[in-house]
């Protein structure tokens, strides 16, 4: 068993990349669920300003191994909430170098 954790949002990309690489090697990805706040849903109040959030479709960036199929957005304070259940990994072709 390997436990992967991080403390800074800047580490999200590396942590997702590492989880993807370990998955390719046969390790099962089981996110820890205890103590985790339930995912927000469309229409719930924004955590900053209490305005109901709306769902927006995401877009794939060619340089990344993942993308979010959708995210929640506050039209008032413009905060974006990335939802882990909308996270999609993309297989990248192997580089020759």
Protein backbone atom coordinates (compact mmCIF):
# COMPACT_ATOMS: atom_id res chain seq x y z
CA UNK A 1 0.00 0.00 0.00
CA UNK A 2 1.23 3.48 -0.86
CA UNK A 3 -0.33 6.57 0.71
CA UNK A 4 -0.01 9.83 -1.24
CA UNK A 5 -0.81 13.13 0.42
CA UNK A 6 0.00 16.79 -0.09
CA UNK A 7 -0.62 20.06 1.70
CA UNK A 8 -0.43 22.71 -1.00
CA UNK A 9 -2.73 23.23 -4.01
CA UNK A 10 0.44 23.67 -6.09
CA UNK A 11 1.08 19.95 -5.55
CA UNK A 12 -2.23 18.84 -7.14
CA UNK A 13 -0.80 18.36 -10.62
CA UNK A 14 2.17 16.30 -9.42
CA UNK A 15 -0.01 14.23 -7.07
CA UNK A 16 -2.45 13.39 -9.88
CA UNK A 17 0.44 12.54 -12.21
CA UNK A 18 2.00 10.26 -9.59
CA UNK A 19 -1.34 8.51 -8.98
CA UNK A 20 -1.72 7.97 -12.73
CA UNK A 21 1.80 6.50 -13.00
CA UNK A 22 1.20 4.17 -10.05
CA UNK A 23 -2.10 3.09 -11.62
CA UNK A 24 -0.25 2.17 -14.80
CA UNK A 25 2.03 -0.01 -12.67
CA UNK A 26 -0.95 -1.91 -11.27
CA UNK A 27 -1.62 -0.06 -8.02
CA UNK A 28 -5.27 0.55 -7.22
CA UNK A 29 -6.30 4.17 -6.61
CA UNK A 30 -8.54 4.39 -3.55
CA UNK A 31 -9.09 7.96 -2.38
CA UNK A 32 -9.45 8.36 1.35
CA UNK A 33 -13.04 9.28 2.12
CA UNK A 34 -13.11 9.76 5.90
CA UNK A 35 -13.00 13.37 6.99
CA UNK A 36 -13.49 14.64 3.45
CA UNK A 37 -16.15 17.28 2.89
CA UNK A 38 -18.89 16.06 0.50
CA UNK A 39 -18.62 17.41 -3.03
CA UNK A 40 -20.61 20.52 -3.84
CA UNK A 41 -23.59 20.25 -6.15
CA UNK A 42 -24.99 22.71 -8.65
CA UNK A 43 -27.29 25.20 -6.91
CA UNK A 44 -25.58 24.98 -3.50
CA UNK A 45 -24.40 28.24 -1.95
CA UNK A 46 -20.87 29.44 -2.69
CA UNK A 47 -18.56 28.97 0.30
CA UNK A 48 -17.37 32.59 -0.01
CA UNK A 49 -20.46 34.66 -0.79
CA UNK A 50 -23.47 32.27 -0.53
CA UNK A 51 -24.61 32.84 -4.13
CA UNK A 52 -25.86 29.59 -5.76
CA UNK A 53 -23.14 28.05 -7.92
CA UNK A 54 -23.69 27.01 -11.54
CA UNK A 55 -22.24 24.11 -13.50
CA UNK A 56 -19.86 24.88 -16.37
CA UNK A 57 -18.37 22.43 -18.82
CA UNK A 58 -14.59 22.07 -18.67
CA UNK A 59 -12.13 21.92 -21.53
CA UNK A 60 -9.19 19.67 -22.14
CA UNK A 61 -5.72 21.21 -22.34
CA UNK A 62 -3.43 19.20 -24.62
CA UNK A 63 -0.40 19.54 -22.34
CA UNK A 64 -2.06 17.93 -19.31
CA UNK A 65 -2.69 14.32 -18.30
CA UNK A 66 -6.10 15.22 -16.88
CA UNK A 67 -9.01 17.61 -17.24
CA UNK A 68 -12.28 18.34 -15.45
CA UNK A 69 -15.39 17.37 -17.39
CA UNK A 70 -17.17 20.17 -15.54
CA UNK A 71 -16.65 22.55 -12.63
CA UNK A 72 -18.88 24.70 -10.44
CA UNK A 73 -18.67 28.46 -10.77
CA UNK A 74 -19.99 31.33 -8.64
CA UNK A 75 -21.32 34.08 -10.91
CA UNK A 76 -21.03 36.65 -8.10
CA UNK A 77 -17.47 36.28 -6.71
CA UNK A 78 -16.23 34.18 -9.67
CA UNK A 79 -14.81 31.39 -7.51
CA UNK A 80 -14.27 28.10 -9.33
CA UNK A 81 -14.76 24.75 -7.57
CA UNK A 82 -13.14 21.73 -9.20
CA UNK A 83 -15.03 18.57 -8.34
CA UNK A 84 -12.96 15.39 -8.04
CA UNK A 85 -15.74 13.21 -9.47
CA UNK A 86 -15.46 15.26 -12.68
CA UNK A 87 -11.70 14.70 -12.94
CA UNK A 88 -10.75 12.68 -16.05
CA UNK A 89 -7.31 11.29 -16.82
CA UNK A 90 -6.08 11.24 -20.40
CA UNK A 91 -3.57 8.71 -21.72
CA UNK A 92 -0.74 10.57 -23.38
CA UNK A 93 1.33 8.89 -26.12
CA UNK A 94 4.79 7.99 -24.92
CA UNK A 95 7.55 10.35 -25.93
CA UNK A 96 10.58 9.09 -27.80
CA UNK A 97 12.82 11.27 -25.63
